[in-house]
Amino acid sequence: IGVVMPELPEVETVRRSLEKYLINKTIKNVEIYYPNIILNDLNFFKDNIKGQKIISLKRRGKWLIFELNDYYLLSHLRMEGKYLYRDINSEIGKHELVSFILEDEELFVVI
């Protein structure tokens, strides 16, 4: 038995679940733990993602599309892609890729 890639209905379920928590939240800061996850220049990404509000969350195939004020942030669930909230003061998990600190000090993590 191996890891199963999420199917479209599962990706849509993730999108709907995240939408409830993320719409109209502003990204206060971002921490990147695995630099290869970002396709563009890391400093450009960090500088420009701060202050962006999450306007909507869409799905195209297995991609999640976070519509921000000035940008679109694309994320693929990959084999075991997960998104979670964790306490801002808790230890970083060994599989965490990116953490977004939201305006209300909530922490949204991409694994």
C-alpha atoms as a PDB file:
ATOM      1  CA  ILE A   1       0.000   0.000   0.000  1.00  0.00           C
ATOM      2  CA  GLY A   2       1.428   3.352  -0.991  1.00  0.00           C
ATOM      3  CA  VAL A   3       0.497   6.969  -0.742  1.00  0.00           C
ATOM      4  CA  VAL A   4      -2.527   7.888  -2.810  1.00  0.00           C
ATOM      5  CA  MET A   5      -2.674  11.218  -4.597  1.00  0.00           C
ATOM      6  CA  PRO A   6      -5.779  13.234  -3.731  1.00  0.00           C
ATOM      7  CA  GLU A   7      -8.551  13.019  -6.295  1.00  0.00           C
ATOM      8  CA  LEU A   8     -10.524  16.031  -7.532  1.00  0.00           C
ATOM      9  CA  PRO A   9     -13.399  15.666  -5.030  1.00  0.00           C
ATOM     10  CA  GLU A  10     -10.860  15.613  -2.175  1.00  0.00           C
ATOM     11  CA  VAL A  11      -9.126  18.713  -3.531  1.00  0.00           C
ATOM     12  CA  GLU A  12     -12.499  20.476  -3.732  1.00  0.00           C
ATOM     13  CA  THR A  13     -13.244  19.471  -0.132  1.00  0.00           C
ATOM     14  CA  VAL A  14      -9.903  20.957   0.953  1.00  0.00           C
ATOM     15  CA  ARG A  15     -10.668  24.150  -0.985  1.00  0.00           C
ATOM     16  CA  ARG A  16     -14.075  24.558   0.664  1.00  0.00           C
ATOM     17  CA  SER A  17     -12.653  23.863   4.103  1.00  0.00           C
ATOM     18  CA  LEU A  18      -9.836  26.383   3.718  1.00  0.00           C
ATOM     19  CA  GLU A  19     -12.165  28.991   2.259  1.00  0.00           C
ATOM     20  CA  LYS A  20     -14.083  29.163   5.548  1.00  0.00           C
ATOM     21  CA  TYR A  21     -10.926  30.126   7.444  1.00  0.00           C
ATOM     22  CA  LEU A  22      -8.879  32.161   4.983  1.00  0.00           C
ATOM     23  CA  ILE A  23     -11.148  34.478   3.005  1.00  0.00           C
ATOM     24  CA  ASN A  24     -10.587  38.157   3.872  1.00  0.00           C
ATOM     25  CA  LYS A  25      -7.551  37.353   6.041  1.00  0.00           C
ATOM     26  CA  THR A  26      -4.397  39.382   5.513  1.00  0.00           C
ATOM     27  CA  ILE A  27      -0.985  37.741   5.382  1.00  0.00           C
ATOM     28  CA  LYS A  28       1.196  39.439   7.970  1.00  0.00           C
ATOM     29  CA  ASN A  29       4.364  37.436   7.381  1.00  0.00           C
ATOM     30  CA  VAL A  30       5.677  34.261   5.747  1.00  0.00           C
ATOM     31  CA  GLU A  31       8.365  31.770   6.746  1.00  0.00           C
ATOM     32  CA  ILE A  32       9.814  29.457   4.100  1.00  0.00           C
ATOM     33  CA  TYR A  33      11.398  26.266   5.442  1.00  0.00           C
ATOM     34  CA  TYR A  34      11.948  24.542   2.092  1.00  0.00           C
ATOM     35  CA  PRO A  35      13.135  27.153  -0.424  1.00  0.00           C
ATOM     36  CA  ASN A  36      12.553  24.946  -3.490  1.00  0.00           C
ATOM     37  CA  ILE A  37       8.807  25.169  -2.887  1.00  0.00           C
ATOM     38  CA  ILE A  38       8.872  28.762  -4.234  1.00  0.00           C
ATOM     39  CA  LEU A  39       9.488  29.002  -7.981  1.00  0.00           C
ATOM     40  CA  ASN A  40      10.423  32.685  -8.014  1.00  0.00           C
ATOM     41  CA  ASP A  41      12.978  34.715  -6.081  1.00  0.00           C
ATOM     42  CA  LEU A  42      12.461  34.074  -2.345  1.00  0.00           C
ATOM     43  CA  ASN A  43      13.027  37.688  -1.297  1.00  0.00           C
ATOM     44  CA  PHE A  44      10.601  38.955  -3.929  1.00  0.00           C
ATOM     45  CA  PHE A  45       8.029  36.423  -2.757  1.00  0.00           C
ATOM     46  CA  LYS A  46       8.445  37.281   0.930  1.00  0.00           C
ATOM     47  CA  ASP A  47       8.406  41.039   0.337  1.00  0.00           C
ATOM     48  CA  ASN A  48       5.352  40.964  -1.892  1.00  0.00           C
ATOM     49  CA  ILE A  49       3.194  38.435  -0.069  1.00  0.00           C
ATOM     50  CA  LYS A  50       3.178  40.475   3.145  1.00  0.00           C
ATOM     51  CA  GLY A  51       0.088  42.636   3.457  1.00  0.00           C
ATOM     52  CA  GLN A  52      -1.838  40.733   0.780  1.00  0.00           C
ATOM     53  CA  LYS A  53      -5.435  39.872   1.591  1.00  0.00           C
ATOM     54  CA  ILE A  54      -6.850  36.504   0.544  1.00  0.00           C
ATOM     55  CA  ILE A  55      -9.796  37.509  -1.645  1.00  0.00           C
ATOM     56  CA  SER A  56     -10.946  34.087  -2.838  1.00  0.00           C
ATOM     57  CA  LEU A  57      -9.873  30.478  -3.116  1.00  0.00           C
ATOM     58  CA  LYS A  58     -10.462  28.615  -6.372  1.00  0.00           C
ATOM     59  CA  ARG A  59      -9.524  25.238  -7.771  1.00  0.00           C
ATOM     60  CA  ARG A  60      -8.296  24.286 -11.219  1.00  0.00           C
ATOM     61  CA  GLY A  61      -7.733  20.555 -11.470  1.00  0.00           C
ATOM     62  CA  LYS A  62      -5.608  19.647  -8.466  1.00  0.00           C
ATOM     63  CA  TRP A  63      -4.265  23.180  -8.072  1.00  0.00           C
ATOM     64  CA  LEU A  64      -5.576  25.555  -5.425  1.00  0.00           C
ATOM     65  CA  ILE A  65      -5.546  29.185  -6.510  1.00  0.00           C
ATOM     66  CA  PHE A  66      -5.392  31.759  -3.739  1.00  0.00           C
ATOM     67  CA  GLU A  67      -6.514  35.090  -5.190  1.00  0.00           C
ATOM     68  CA  LEU A  68      -4.746  37.895  -3.325  1.00  0.00           C
ATOM     69  CA  ASN A  69      -5.015  41.671  -3.723  1.00  0.00           C
ATOM     70  CA  ASP A  70      -2.280  41.869  -6.335  1.00  0.00           C
ATOM     71  CA  TYR A  71      -1.223  38.283  -7.030  1.00  0.00           C
ATOM     72  CA  TYR A  72      -2.355  34.710  -7.411  1.00  0.00           C
ATOM     73  CA  LEU A  73      -0.724  32.110  -5.211  1.00  0.00           C
ATOM     74  CA  LEU A  74      -0.808  28.596  -6.715  1.00  0.00           C
ATOM     75  CA  SER A  75      -0.505  25.481  -4.593  1.00  0.00           C
ATOM     76  CA  HIS A  76      -0.646  21.819  -5.586  1.00  0.00           C
ATOM     77  CA  LEU A  77      -1.587  19.146  -3.060  1.00  0.00           C
ATOM     78  CA  ARG A  78       1.049  16.740  -4.439  1.00  0.00           C
ATOM     79  CA  MET A  79       1.040  13.220  -3.033  1.00  0.00           C
ATOM     80  CA  GLU A  80       0.067  13.952   0.555  1.00  0.00           C
ATOM     81  CA  GLY A  81      -0.419  17.701   0.485  1.00  0.00           C
ATOM     82  CA  LYS A  82      -1.830  19.112   3.668  1.00  0.00           C
ATOM     83  CA  TYR A  83      -2.749  22.485   5.003  1.00  0.00           C
ATOM     84  CA  LEU A  84      -3.180  23.081   8.706  1.00  0.00           C
ATOM     85  CA  TYR A  85      -3.394  25.619  11.451  1.00  0.00           C
ATOM     86  CA  ARG A  86      -1.029  25.383  14.373  1.00  0.00           C
ATOM     87  CA  ASP A  87      -0.303  27.561  17.371  1.00  0.00           C
ATOM     88  CA  ILE A  88       2.093  30.329  16.424  1.00  0.00           C
ATOM     89  CA  ASN A  89       4.363  29.467  19.370  1.00  0.00           C
ATOM     90  CA  SER A  90       4.527  25.729  18.739  1.00  0.00           C
ATOM     91  CA  GLU A  91       7.558  24.016  17.287  1.00  0.00           C
ATOM     92  CA  ILE A  92       7.944  23.783  13.504  1.00  0.00           C
ATOM     93  CA  GLY A  93       7.042  20.315  12.223  1.00  0.00           C
ATOM     94  CA  LYS A  94       9.716  18.450  10.292  1.00  0.00           C
ATOM     95  CA  HIS A  95       7.587  18.310   7.134  1.00  0.00           C
ATOM     96  CA  GLU A  96       6.446  21.941   7.108  1.00  0.00           C
ATOM     97  CA  LEU A  97       7.264  23.766   3.889  1.00  0.00           C
ATOM     98  CA  VAL A  98       5.810  27.256   4.348  1.00  0.00           C
ATOM     99  CA  SER A  99       4.043  29.069   7.179  1.00  0.00           C
ATOM    100  CA  PHE A 100       1.805  32.069   6.643  1.00  0.00           C
ATOM    101  CA  ILE A 101       1.207  34.237   9.691  1.00  0.00           C
ATOM    102  CA  LEU A 102      -2.187  35.848   9.344  1.00  0.00           C
ATOM    103  CA  GLU A 103      -3.349  39.220  10.659  1.00  0.00           C
ATOM    104  CA  ASP A 104      -4.916  37.793  13.795  1.00  0.00           C
ATOM    105  CA  GLU A 105      -1.769  35.844  14.700  1.00  0.00           C
ATOM    106  CA  GLU A 106      -3.207  32.623  13.338  1.00  0.00           C
ATOM    107  CA  LEU A 107      -0.710  30.426  11.590  1.00  0.00           C
ATOM    108  CA  PHE A 108      -1.589  28.675   8.345  1.00  0.00           C
ATOM    109  CA  VAL A 109       0.915  25.995   7.353  1.00  0.00           C
ATOM    110  CA  VAL A 110       1.558  24.183   4.090  1.00  0.00           C
ATOM    111  CA  ILE A 111       2.963  20.663   4.457  1.00  0.00           C
END
